[in-house]
Structure formats: structure tokens, C-alpha cells
């Protein structure tokens, strides 16, 4: 019973944090590069944390304020690809522990990938900032957001 509860909490954490897979990857990569350059652990942690915050902030601002569909798609893809990979590997790990056949493990893995990607996309759109739109009368409607 406790195992099922822990798997459920792990899945909930994965889906809630799916959009943060790219900033986490940037933080770990930057922190490890700085650590191997000779800076201490505290300095590497601060540099990684700063890089993650900057990545998340710039990505969300670009996604929310860009009028270009290509720019929004690029930012969404950059955030979704690591989330999909994390979701697939997590689901594969859980399926491996459950012990079904290899075909069912792959099905469960890809299902986890699509669910994690969908949750990340939902979270990315939920943080969309309000942008001014041109109305039919030529005025601005600054309180409305132009979500898909």
C-alpha cells in the first residue's frame, strides 16, 4: 500500500515539475562546468541556481510576449523535449519495477512521456502573460490574453 502511495506522489511531482526540466538541466550542466573549473561547491550551486532562474525567466517571457508563432513553438519545444524525456524514463522505471512484458513497458513509457509533455505544455500556457490585442475598433484590449 505504501509503495502505491509513493509511486503516486512521484508521478504527481513529475507532472507538477515537468516544465522545470530544462532549467534543471541547465542548472546541473552549468554547476558541473563551474565546479570542474575549480570553483567550490557553494559557488557552483549559486551559479547553477542563477542559470536555472535565468533560463526559466527568459523562456517564460519569450513565450508570453512573442507574437511570432515560430518563436513560441521554439520555446515550447525547448521546454517540452526535456519534460517528455523525463516523463518517459520515469514511467519506464516504474513499469520496470512492476514487471510487465517489454511491450507493455514501452507502452507505459510512451504514455508517461505524452502525459508529462501535456502537463508541461499546460503549465507553460498557464503562465502566459496578458498581451495587448488590436480590437476591431482599433483600440487595445490589454486585459485579454491571446492563448491558443
N, C-alpha and C. Protein backbone atom coordinates (compact mmCIF):
# COMPACT_ATOMS: atom_id res chain seq x y z
N UNK A 1 0.82 -1.19 0.00
CA UNK A 1 0.00 0.00 0.00
C UNK A 1 0.86 1.26 0.00
N UNK A 2 1.89 1.24 0.83
CA UNK A 2 2.78 2.40 0.90
C UNK A 2 3.54 2.59 -0.41
N UNK A 3 3.86 1.51 -1.09
CA UNK A 3 4.53 1.59 -2.38
C UNK A 3 3.68 2.28 -3.43
N UNK A 4 2.38 1.97 -3.44
CA UNK A 4 1.48 2.63 -4.39
C UNK A 4 1.34 4.12 -4.10
N UNK A 5 1.29 4.46 -2.83
CA UNK A 5 1.20 5.87 -2.45
C UNK A 5 2.46 6.61 -2.88
N UNK A 6 3.62 5.99 -2.68
CA UNK A 6 4.87 6.66 -3.06
C UNK A 6 4.99 6.81 -4.57
N UNK A 7 4.55 5.82 -5.35
CA UNK A 7 4.56 5.94 -6.81
C UNK A 7 3.60 7.04 -7.24
N UNK A 8 2.45 7.12 -6.61
CA UNK A 8 1.50 8.19 -6.93
C UNK A 8 2.07 9.57 -6.63
N UNK A 9 2.75 9.70 -5.50
CA UNK A 9 3.36 11.00 -5.17
C UNK A 9 4.51 11.34 -6.13
N UNK A 10 5.25 10.32 -6.54
CA UNK A 10 6.32 10.54 -7.52
C UNK A 10 5.74 11.02 -8.85
N UNK A 11 4.67 10.41 -9.30
CA UNK A 11 4.04 10.83 -10.55
C UNK A 11 3.47 12.24 -10.44
N UNK A 12 2.87 12.57 -9.31
CA UNK A 12 2.33 13.91 -9.11
C UNK A 12 3.45 14.95 -9.15
N UNK A 13 4.57 14.65 -8.50
CA UNK A 13 5.71 15.57 -8.53
C UNK A 13 6.26 15.71 -9.94
N UNK A 14 6.31 14.62 -10.68
CA UNK A 14 6.79 14.67 -12.06
C UNK A 14 5.92 15.57 -12.91
N UNK A 15 4.60 15.43 -12.80
CA UNK A 15 3.71 16.23 -13.62
C UNK A 15 3.69 17.69 -13.21
N UNK A 16 3.84 17.97 -11.92
CA UNK A 16 3.87 19.36 -11.46
C UNK A 16 5.18 20.06 -11.85
N UNK A 17 6.27 19.31 -11.86
CA UNK A 17 7.58 19.90 -12.13
C UNK A 17 8.08 19.66 -13.55
N UNK A 18 7.22 19.19 -14.44
CA UNK A 18 7.65 18.84 -15.79
C UNK A 18 8.18 20.04 -16.56
N UNK A 19 7.60 21.20 -16.37
CA UNK A 19 8.04 22.37 -17.11
C UNK A 19 9.41 22.85 -16.65
N UNK A 20 9.85 22.40 -15.49
CA UNK A 20 11.14 22.82 -14.95
C UNK A 20 12.28 21.87 -15.32
N UNK A 21 12.06 20.95 -16.25
CA UNK A 21 13.12 20.00 -16.63
C UNK A 21 14.26 20.72 -17.34
N UNK A 22 13.96 21.67 -18.23
CA UNK A 22 15.02 22.40 -18.93
C UNK A 22 15.83 23.27 -17.98
N UNK A 23 15.22 24.08 -17.11
CA UNK A 23 16.05 24.85 -16.16
C UNK A 23 16.87 23.96 -15.24
N UNK A 24 16.35 22.81 -14.84
CA UNK A 24 17.11 21.89 -14.00
C UNK A 24 18.32 21.36 -14.76
N UNK A 25 18.14 21.00 -16.01
CA UNK A 25 19.25 20.52 -16.84
C UNK A 25 20.31 21.61 -17.00
N UNK A 26 19.87 22.83 -17.24
CA UNK A 26 20.81 23.95 -17.38
C UNK A 26 21.55 24.18 -16.07
N UNK A 27 20.85 24.10 -14.95
CA UNK A 27 21.47 24.30 -13.64
C UNK A 27 22.53 23.25 -13.35
N UNK A 28 22.21 21.99 -13.60
CA UNK A 28 23.17 20.92 -13.34
C UNK A 28 24.37 21.04 -14.27
N UNK A 29 24.13 21.29 -15.54
CA UNK A 29 25.24 21.40 -16.50
C UNK A 29 26.15 22.58 -16.17
N UNK A 30 25.57 23.72 -15.87
CA UNK A 30 26.35 24.90 -15.54
C UNK A 30 27.09 24.71 -14.22
N UNK A 31 26.42 24.16 -13.24
CA UNK A 31 27.06 23.92 -11.95
C UNK A 31 28.23 22.96 -12.06
N UNK A 32 28.07 21.90 -12.84
CA UNK A 32 29.17 20.94 -13.02
C UNK A 32 30.33 21.55 -13.78
N UNK A 33 30.04 22.39 -14.77
CA UNK A 33 31.11 23.05 -15.52
C UNK A 33 31.89 24.01 -14.62
N UNK A 34 31.19 24.76 -13.80
CA UNK A 34 31.85 25.69 -12.89
C UNK A 34 32.62 24.93 -11.82
N UNK A 35 32.06 23.83 -11.34
CA UNK A 35 32.74 23.03 -10.34
C UNK A 35 34.03 22.41 -10.88
N UNK A 36 33.99 21.96 -12.12
CA UNK A 36 35.21 21.40 -12.71
C UNK A 36 36.24 22.46 -13.06
N UNK A 37 35.82 23.72 -13.13
CA UNK A 37 36.76 24.81 -13.38
C UNK A 37 37.51 25.23 -12.13
N UNK A 38 37.12 24.69 -10.97
CA UNK A 38 37.86 24.97 -9.76
C UNK A 38 37.13 25.80 -8.73
N UNK A 39 35.92 26.21 -9.01
CA UNK A 39 35.14 26.95 -8.03
C UNK A 39 34.58 25.95 -7.03
N UNK A 40 34.37 26.35 -5.83
CA UNK A 40 33.88 25.45 -4.79
C UNK A 40 32.43 25.04 -5.01
N UNK A 41 31.96 24.18 -4.12
CA UNK A 41 30.61 23.65 -4.23
C UNK A 41 29.56 24.75 -4.05
N UNK A 42 29.79 25.65 -3.11
CA UNK A 42 28.82 26.73 -2.88
C UNK A 42 28.73 27.65 -4.09
N UNK A 43 29.86 27.97 -4.70
CA UNK A 43 29.86 28.82 -5.89
C UNK A 43 29.19 28.14 -7.06
N UNK A 44 29.44 26.84 -7.23
CA UNK A 44 28.80 26.09 -8.31
C UNK A 44 27.29 26.03 -8.12
N UNK A 45 26.86 25.86 -6.86
CA UNK A 45 25.43 25.83 -6.57
C UNK A 45 24.79 27.18 -6.90
N UNK A 46 25.43 28.27 -6.52
CA UNK A 46 24.87 29.60 -6.80
C UNK A 46 24.83 29.90 -8.30
N UNK A 47 25.88 29.51 -9.01
CA UNK A 47 25.90 29.74 -10.46
C UNK A 47 24.82 28.89 -11.14
N UNK A 48 24.67 27.63 -10.72
CA UNK A 48 23.64 26.78 -11.29
C UNK A 48 22.24 27.28 -11.00
N UNK A 49 22.02 27.75 -9.78
CA UNK A 49 20.72 28.29 -9.40
C UNK A 49 20.40 29.55 -10.21
N UNK A 50 21.39 30.40 -10.39
CA UNK A 50 21.20 31.61 -11.18
C UNK A 50 20.91 31.27 -12.64
N UNK A 51 21.63 30.30 -13.19
CA UNK A 51 21.40 29.90 -14.58
C UNK A 51 20.00 29.31 -14.76
N UNK A 52 19.54 28.53 -13.79
CA UNK A 52 18.20 27.96 -13.88
C UNK A 52 17.13 29.05 -13.82
N UNK A 53 17.29 29.98 -12.90
CA UNK A 53 16.32 31.07 -12.78
C UNK A 53 16.29 31.92 -14.03
N UNK A 54 17.46 32.19 -14.58
CA UNK A 54 17.54 32.99 -15.81
C UNK A 54 16.90 32.25 -16.98
N UNK A 55 17.16 30.95 -17.09
CA UNK A 55 16.58 30.16 -18.17
C UNK A 55 15.06 30.14 -18.08
N UNK A 56 14.54 29.90 -16.90
CA UNK A 56 13.09 29.85 -16.71
C UNK A 56 12.45 31.21 -16.98
N UNK A 57 13.06 32.27 -16.48
CA UNK A 57 12.50 33.61 -16.66
C UNK A 57 12.53 34.03 -18.12
N UNK A 58 13.66 33.86 -18.78
CA UNK A 58 13.76 34.26 -20.19
C UNK A 58 12.83 33.42 -21.05
N UNK A 59 12.74 32.13 -20.79
CA UNK A 59 11.85 31.28 -21.56
C UNK A 59 10.40 31.68 -21.42
N UNK A 60 9.98 31.95 -20.20
CA UNK A 60 8.58 32.34 -19.99
C UNK A 60 8.28 33.71 -20.57
N UNK A 61 9.22 34.63 -20.45
CA UNK A 61 8.99 35.96 -21.03
C UNK A 61 8.93 35.89 -22.55
N UNK A 62 9.86 35.13 -23.16
CA UNK A 62 9.83 34.97 -24.61
C UNK A 62 8.54 34.31 -25.07
N UNK A 63 8.10 33.29 -24.35
CA UNK A 63 6.88 32.59 -24.73
C UNK A 63 5.65 33.49 -24.58
N UNK A 64 5.63 34.27 -23.54
CA UNK A 64 4.44 35.07 -23.25
C UNK A 64 4.35 36.35 -24.08
N UNK A 65 5.47 36.93 -24.44
CA UNK A 65 5.43 38.23 -25.11
C UNK A 65 5.66 38.16 -26.61
N UNK A 66 6.09 37.03 -27.11
CA UNK A 66 6.38 36.93 -28.53
C UNK A 66 5.10 36.82 -29.33
N UNK A 67 5.06 37.54 -30.43
CA UNK A 67 3.92 37.45 -31.33
C UNK A 67 4.18 36.43 -32.43
N UNK A 68 5.42 36.04 -32.58
CA UNK A 68 5.80 35.09 -33.62
C UNK A 68 5.45 33.67 -33.19
N UNK A 69 4.73 32.97 -34.03
CA UNK A 69 4.37 31.59 -33.74
C UNK A 69 5.61 30.70 -33.75
N UNK A 70 6.57 31.01 -34.60
CA UNK A 70 7.81 30.23 -34.66
C UNK A 70 8.60 30.37 -33.36
N UNK A 71 8.67 31.57 -32.80
CA UNK A 71 9.39 31.78 -31.54
C UNK A 71 8.69 31.05 -30.40
N UNK A 72 7.38 31.13 -30.34
CA UNK A 72 6.63 30.44 -29.29
C UNK A 72 6.79 28.92 -29.42
N UNK A 73 6.78 28.42 -30.65
CA UNK A 73 6.96 26.98 -30.86
C UNK A 73 8.37 26.54 -30.48
N UNK A 74 9.36 27.37 -30.75
CA UNK A 74 10.74 27.04 -30.39
C UNK A 74 10.92 26.99 -28.88
N UNK A 75 10.37 27.96 -28.18
CA UNK A 75 10.48 27.98 -26.72
C UNK A 75 9.70 26.80 -26.12
N UNK A 76 8.53 26.53 -26.67
CA UNK A 76 7.74 25.40 -26.17
C UNK A 76 8.48 24.08 -26.41
N UNK A 77 9.09 23.92 -27.57
CA UNK A 77 9.84 22.70 -27.86
C UNK A 77 11.05 22.56 -26.94
N UNK A 78 11.73 23.67 -26.67
CA UNK A 78 12.88 23.62 -25.78
C UNK A 78 12.48 23.23 -24.37
N UNK A 79 11.29 23.59 -23.94
CA UNK A 79 10.81 23.21 -22.61
C UNK A 79 10.19 21.82 -22.60
N UNK A 80 9.56 21.43 -23.71
CA UNK A 80 8.84 20.17 -23.73
C UNK A 80 9.72 18.95 -23.95
N UNK A 81 10.78 19.08 -24.73
CA UNK A 81 11.62 17.91 -25.03
C UNK A 81 12.24 17.33 -23.76
N UNK A 82 12.85 18.12 -22.87
CA UNK A 82 13.36 17.52 -21.63
C UNK A 82 12.25 16.96 -20.74
N UNK A 83 11.08 17.60 -20.74
CA UNK A 83 9.97 17.10 -19.93
C UNK A 83 9.47 15.76 -20.45
N UNK A 84 9.38 15.61 -21.76
CA UNK A 84 8.96 14.35 -22.36
C UNK A 84 9.97 13.25 -22.07
N UNK A 85 11.25 13.58 -22.17
CA UNK A 85 12.28 12.58 -21.88
C UNK A 85 12.23 12.15 -20.41
N UNK A 86 12.05 13.10 -19.52
CA UNK A 86 11.97 12.78 -18.09
C UNK A 86 10.73 11.94 -17.80
N UNK A 87 9.61 12.27 -18.43
CA UNK A 87 8.39 11.51 -18.22
C UNK A 87 8.51 10.09 -18.74
N UNK A 88 9.15 9.91 -19.89
CA UNK A 88 9.31 8.56 -20.44
C UNK A 88 10.22 7.71 -19.56
N UNK A 89 11.33 8.27 -19.14
CA UNK A 89 12.26 7.49 -18.32
C UNK A 89 11.68 7.18 -16.94
N UNK A 90 10.91 8.09 -16.40
CA UNK A 90 10.26 7.82 -15.11
C UNK A 90 9.22 6.72 -15.25
N UNK A 91 8.40 6.80 -16.29
CA UNK A 91 7.38 5.78 -16.50
C UNK A 91 8.01 4.42 -16.81
N UNK A 92 9.12 4.43 -17.56
CA UNK A 92 9.82 3.17 -17.83
C UNK A 92 10.37 2.56 -16.55
N UNK A 93 10.89 3.39 -15.66
CA UNK A 93 11.41 2.89 -14.40
C UNK A 93 10.32 2.30 -13.53
N UNK A 94 9.18 2.96 -13.49
CA UNK A 94 8.06 2.45 -12.69
C UNK A 94 7.52 1.16 -13.32
N UNK A 95 7.43 1.13 -14.65
CA UNK A 95 6.96 -0.08 -15.32
C UNK A 95 7.94 -1.24 -15.13
N UNK A 96 9.23 -0.94 -15.10
CA UNK A 96 10.22 -1.99 -14.88
C UNK A 96 10.07 -2.59 -13.49
N UNK A 97 9.75 -1.76 -12.51
CA UNK A 97 9.53 -2.27 -11.16
C UNK A 97 8.26 -3.12 -11.07
N UNK A 98 7.26 -2.77 -11.87
CA UNK A 98 6.01 -3.54 -11.86
C UNK A 98 6.18 -4.89 -12.56
N UNK A 99 7.08 -4.96 -13.54
CA UNK A 99 7.42 -6.22 -14.17
C UNK A 99 6.56 -6.69 -15.32
N UNK A 100 5.90 -5.82 -16.10
CA UNK A 100 5.16 -6.35 -17.26
C UNK A 100 6.12 -6.73 -18.39
N UNK A 101 5.56 -7.19 -19.48
CA UNK A 101 6.36 -7.57 -20.63
C UNK A 101 7.03 -6.34 -21.24
N UNK A 102 8.09 -6.53 -22.04
CA UNK A 102 8.77 -5.37 -22.64
C UNK A 102 7.87 -4.50 -23.51
N UNK A 103 6.91 -5.10 -24.18
CA UNK A 103 5.97 -4.31 -24.99
C UNK A 103 5.14 -3.38 -24.11
N UNK A 104 4.63 -3.90 -23.00
CA UNK A 104 3.84 -3.07 -22.10
C UNK A 104 4.70 -2.01 -21.42
N UNK A 105 5.96 -2.31 -21.15
CA UNK A 105 6.86 -1.29 -20.59
C UNK A 105 7.01 -0.12 -21.55
N UNK A 106 7.19 -0.43 -22.83
CA UNK A 106 7.31 0.65 -23.82
C UNK A 106 6.02 1.45 -23.94
N UNK A 107 4.90 0.77 -23.92
CA UNK A 107 3.61 1.47 -23.99
C UNK A 107 3.44 2.39 -22.78
N UNK A 108 3.75 1.88 -21.61
CA UNK A 108 3.66 2.69 -20.39
C UNK A 108 4.66 3.84 -20.44
N UNK A 109 5.86 3.59 -20.96
CA UNK A 109 6.87 4.65 -21.07
C UNK A 109 6.43 5.78 -21.98
N UNK A 110 5.88 5.44 -23.15
CA UNK A 110 5.42 6.49 -24.06
C UNK A 110 4.18 7.19 -23.55
N UNK A 111 3.33 6.47 -22.82
CA UNK A 111 2.18 7.12 -22.20
C UNK A 111 2.64 8.14 -21.16
N UNK A 112 3.64 7.77 -20.37
CA UNK A 112 4.21 8.71 -19.41
C UNK A 112 4.84 9.91 -20.09
N UNK A 113 5.47 9.68 -21.24
CA UNK A 113 6.09 10.78 -21.99
C UNK A 113 5.03 11.77 -22.47
N UNK A 114 3.94 11.25 -23.04
CA UNK A 114 2.89 12.13 -23.52
C UNK A 114 2.19 12.86 -22.38
N UNK A 115 1.99 12.19 -21.26
CA UNK A 115 1.36 12.85 -20.11
C UNK A 115 2.25 13.95 -19.54
N UNK A 116 3.54 13.68 -19.41
CA UNK A 116 4.45 14.69 -18.88
C UNK A 116 4.56 15.87 -19.84
N UNK A 117 4.60 15.60 -21.14
CA UNK A 117 4.65 16.68 -22.13
C UNK A 117 3.38 17.51 -22.11
N UNK A 118 2.24 16.85 -21.98
CA UNK A 118 0.98 17.58 -21.90
C UNK A 118 0.88 18.45 -20.66
N UNK A 119 1.36 17.92 -19.53
CA UNK A 119 1.35 18.71 -18.29
C UNK A 119 2.30 19.90 -18.40
N UNK A 120 3.46 19.69 -19.02
CA UNK A 120 4.41 20.79 -19.19
C UNK A 120 3.84 21.86 -20.11
N UNK A 121 3.18 21.44 -21.18
CA UNK A 121 2.56 22.41 -22.09
C UNK A 121 1.44 23.18 -21.40
N UNK A 122 0.65 22.50 -20.60
CA UNK A 122 -0.41 23.16 -19.85
C UNK A 122 0.17 24.19 -18.88
N UNK A 123 1.24 23.83 -18.18
CA UNK A 123 1.86 24.76 -17.24
C UNK A 123 2.49 25.94 -17.97
N UNK A 124 3.04 25.68 -19.14
CA UNK A 124 3.64 26.77 -19.92
C UNK A 124 2.56 27.76 -20.36
N UNK A 125 1.42 27.26 -20.79
CA UNK A 125 0.33 28.14 -21.20
C UNK A 125 -0.35 28.81 -20.01
N UNK A 126 -0.33 28.20 -18.86
CA UNK A 126 -0.99 28.81 -17.70
C UNK A 126 -0.21 29.99 -17.16
N UNK A 127 1.07 30.10 -17.51
CA UNK A 127 1.87 31.24 -17.08
C UNK A 127 1.97 32.30 -18.18
N UNK A 128 1.12 32.20 -19.18
CA UNK A 128 1.12 33.15 -20.27
C UNK A 128 0.69 34.52 -19.76
N UNK A 129 1.47 35.53 -20.06
CA UNK A 129 1.16 36.89 -19.61
C UNK A 129 0.14 37.53 -20.54
N UNK A 130 -0.58 38.50 -20.02
CA UNK A 130 -1.55 39.22 -20.83
C UNK A 130 -0.82 40.09 -21.84
N UNK A 131 -1.27 40.03 -23.09
CA UNK A 131 -0.68 40.83 -24.15
C UNK A 131 -1.75 41.69 -24.78
N UNK A 132 -1.40 42.90 -25.18
CA UNK A 132 -2.41 43.74 -25.82
C UNK A 132 -2.77 43.19 -27.21
N UNK A 133 -4.05 43.25 -27.53
CA UNK A 133 -4.55 42.82 -28.83
C UNK A 133 -5.24 43.99 -29.50
N UNK A 134 -5.18 44.02 -30.78
CA UNK A 134 -5.90 45.03 -31.54
C UNK A 134 -7.34 44.58 -31.71
N UNK A 135 -8.28 45.37 -31.30
CA UNK A 135 -9.69 45.01 -31.46
C UNK A 135 -10.17 45.49 -32.83
N UNK A 136 -11.40 45.16 -33.14
CA UNK A 136 -11.97 45.56 -34.42
C UNK A 136 -12.13 47.07 -34.53
N UNK A 137 -12.29 47.76 -33.40
CA UNK A 137 -12.46 49.21 -33.42
C UNK A 137 -11.12 49.93 -33.41
N UNK A 138 -10.02 49.22 -33.37
CA UNK A 138 -8.71 49.87 -33.38
C UNK A 138 -8.15 50.13 -31.99
N UNK A 139 -8.90 49.86 -30.94
CA UNK A 139 -8.42 50.08 -29.58
C UNK A 139 -7.68 48.86 -29.06
N UNK A 140 -7.03 49.02 -27.94
CA UNK A 140 -6.31 47.91 -27.31
C UNK A 140 -7.18 47.25 -26.25
N UNK A 141 -7.04 45.94 -26.18
CA UNK A 141 -7.68 45.18 -25.09
C UNK A 141 -6.55 44.55 -24.30
N UNK A 142 -6.00 45.27 -23.36
CA UNK A 142 -4.80 44.83 -22.67
C UNK A 142 -5.09 43.80 -21.57
N UNK A 143 -6.33 43.56 -21.24
CA UNK A 143 -6.64 42.63 -20.18
C UNK A 143 -6.86 41.21 -20.69
N UNK A 144 -6.86 41.02 -21.98
CA UNK A 144 -7.10 39.70 -22.55
C UNK A 144 -5.80 39.10 -23.02
N UNK A 145 -5.72 37.81 -22.92
CA UNK A 145 -4.53 37.07 -23.36
C UNK A 145 -4.87 36.36 -24.66
N UNK A 146 -3.90 36.24 -25.53
CA UNK A 146 -4.13 35.58 -26.82
C UNK A 146 -3.56 34.17 -26.76
N UNK A 147 -4.17 33.32 -25.98
CA UNK A 147 -3.73 31.93 -25.90
C UNK A 147 -4.30 31.14 -27.05
N UNK A 148 -3.68 30.00 -27.31
CA UNK A 148 -4.18 29.14 -28.38
C UNK A 148 -5.44 28.45 -27.98
